[in-house]
Amino acid sequence: MAFFDNSFVSSRITLRQRMARLFDTPFDRRYRQRTARVEELRALSDSALAARGIARDDILLHVFSGKL
């Protein structure tokens, strides 16, 4: 049985990522923002989502409908 501990994965931006950002388009930035928002909402508990009026099944609909 294999085990992978991702607590040691670096969150630093690499040189390759910095170079790629030089050629970013508005679409790329919007994609990163929405992806981060989806990850943020998926990390919340069901009760925290309910307090915001969002069902877990509706996270993508909520983010991509422009209700950021």
C-alpha atoms as a PDB file:
ATOM      1  CA  MET A   1       0.000   0.000   0.000  1.00  0.00           C
ATOM      2  CA  ALA A   2       1.448   3.349  -1.034  1.00  0.00           C
ATOM      3  CA  PHE A   3       1.029   6.542   0.935  1.00  0.00           C
ATOM      4  CA  PHE A   4       1.678  10.045  -0.354  1.00  0.00           C
ATOM      5  CA  ASP A   5       1.972  12.883   2.110  1.00  0.00           C
ATOM      6  CA  ASN A   6       1.344  16.112   0.233  1.00  0.00           C
ATOM      7  CA  SER A   7       2.141  18.341   3.201  1.00  0.00           C
ATOM      8  CA  PHE A   8       5.643  18.829   1.789  1.00  0.00           C
ATOM      9  CA  VAL A   9       4.511  20.058  -1.631  1.00  0.00           C
ATOM     10  CA  SER A  10       5.814  23.556  -2.181  1.00  0.00           C
ATOM     11  CA  SER A  11       3.317  26.305  -2.889  1.00  0.00           C
ATOM     12  CA  ARG A  12       6.020  28.615  -4.258  1.00  0.00           C
ATOM     13  CA  ILE A  13       5.680  29.848  -7.813  1.00  0.00           C
ATOM     14  CA  THR A  14       8.293  28.282 -10.065  1.00  0.00           C
ATOM     15  CA  LEU A  15      10.295  30.122 -12.702  1.00  0.00           C
ATOM     16  CA  ARG A  16       8.302  28.345 -15.405  1.00  0.00           C
ATOM     17  CA  GLN A  17       5.022  29.578 -13.868  1.00  0.00           C
ATOM     18  CA  ARG A  18       6.392  33.126 -13.640  1.00  0.00           C
ATOM     19  CA  MET A  19       7.384  33.049 -17.292  1.00  0.00           C
ATOM     20  CA  ALA A  20       3.962  31.708 -18.280  1.00  0.00           C
ATOM     21  CA  ARG A  21       2.288  34.565 -16.423  1.00  0.00           C
ATOM     22  CA  LEU A  22       4.100  37.056 -18.640  1.00  0.00           C
ATOM     23  CA  PHE A  23       1.899  35.864 -21.493  1.00  0.00           C
ATOM     24  CA  ASP A  24      -1.310  35.601 -19.477  1.00  0.00           C
ATOM     25  CA  THR A  25      -4.559  36.604 -21.087  1.00  0.00           C
ATOM     26  CA  PRO A  26      -7.599  37.911 -19.214  1.00  0.00           C
ATOM     27  CA  PHE A  27      -9.145  34.487 -19.811  1.00  0.00           C
ATOM     28  CA  ASP A  28      -6.219  32.799 -18.015  1.00  0.00           C
ATOM     29  CA  ARG A  29      -6.546  35.074 -14.994  1.00  0.00           C
ATOM     30  CA  ARG A  30     -10.314  34.550 -14.811  1.00  0.00           C
ATOM     31  CA  TYR A  31      -9.812  30.776 -15.071  1.00  0.00           C
ATOM     32  CA  ARG A  32      -7.342  30.803 -12.165  1.00  0.00           C
ATOM     33  CA  GLN A  33      -9.674  32.948 -10.055  1.00  0.00           C
ATOM     34  CA  ARG A  34     -12.655  30.690 -10.669  1.00  0.00           C
ATOM     35  CA  THR A  35     -10.647  27.539 -10.061  1.00  0.00           C
ATOM     36  CA  ALA A  36      -9.427  28.950  -6.751  1.00  0.00           C
ATOM     37  CA  ARG A  37     -12.990  29.907  -5.796  1.00  0.00           C
ATOM     38  CA  VAL A  38     -14.264  26.383  -6.566  1.00  0.00           C
ATOM     39  CA  GLU A  39     -11.482  24.860  -4.446  1.00  0.00           C
ATOM     40  CA  GLU A  40     -12.252  27.298  -1.624  1.00  0.00           C
ATOM     41  CA  LEU A  41     -15.948  26.415  -1.619  1.00  0.00           C
ATOM     42  CA  ARG A  42     -15.304  22.671  -1.891  1.00  0.00           C
ATOM     43  CA  ALA A  43     -13.101  22.882   1.204  1.00  0.00           C
ATOM     44  CA  LEU A  44     -16.001  24.227   3.287  1.00  0.00           C
ATOM     45  CA  SER A  45     -18.233  21.962   5.336  1.00  0.00           C
ATOM     46  CA  ASP A  46     -21.828  21.344   4.312  1.00  0.00           C
ATOM     47  CA  SER A  47     -23.089  23.526   7.158  1.00  0.00           C
ATOM     48  CA  ALA A  48     -20.813  26.419   6.119  1.00  0.00           C
ATOM     49  CA  LEU A  49     -22.057  26.107   2.538  1.00  0.00           C
ATOM     50  CA  ALA A  50     -25.665  26.040   3.748  1.00  0.00           C
ATOM     51  CA  ALA A  51     -25.031  29.229   5.728  1.00  0.00           C
ATOM     52  CA  ARG A  52     -24.003  30.856   2.440  1.00  0.00           C
ATOM     53  CA  GLY A  53     -27.062  29.466   0.694  1.00  0.00           C
ATOM     54  CA  ILE A  54     -25.123  27.073  -1.535  1.00  0.00           C
ATOM     55  CA  ALA A  55     -25.647  23.341  -1.924  1.00  0.00           C
ATOM     56  CA  ARG A  56     -22.518  21.253  -2.540  1.00  0.00           C
ATOM     57  CA  ASP A  57     -23.947  20.115  -5.895  1.00  0.00           C
ATOM     58  CA  ASP A  58     -24.390  23.753  -6.962  1.00  0.00           C
ATOM     59  CA  ILE A  59     -20.844  25.008  -6.340  1.00  0.00           C
ATOM     60  CA  LEU A  60     -19.879  25.031 -10.023  1.00  0.00           C
ATOM     61  CA  LEU A  61     -23.168  26.647 -11.009  1.00  0.00           C
ATOM     62  CA  HIS A  62     -22.665  29.286  -8.324  1.00  0.00           C
ATOM     63  CA  VAL A  63     -19.098  30.109  -9.408  1.00  0.00           C
ATOM     64  CA  PHE A  64     -19.596  30.016 -13.173  1.00  0.00           C
ATOM     65  CA  SER A  65     -22.859  31.922 -13.142  1.00  0.00           C
ATOM     66  CA  GLY A  66     -20.954  34.987 -11.972  1.00  0.00           C
ATOM     67  CA  LYS A  67     -22.129  34.991  -8.352  1.00  0.00           C
ATOM     68  CA  LEU A  68     -18.607  35.332  -7.024  1.00  0.00           C
END
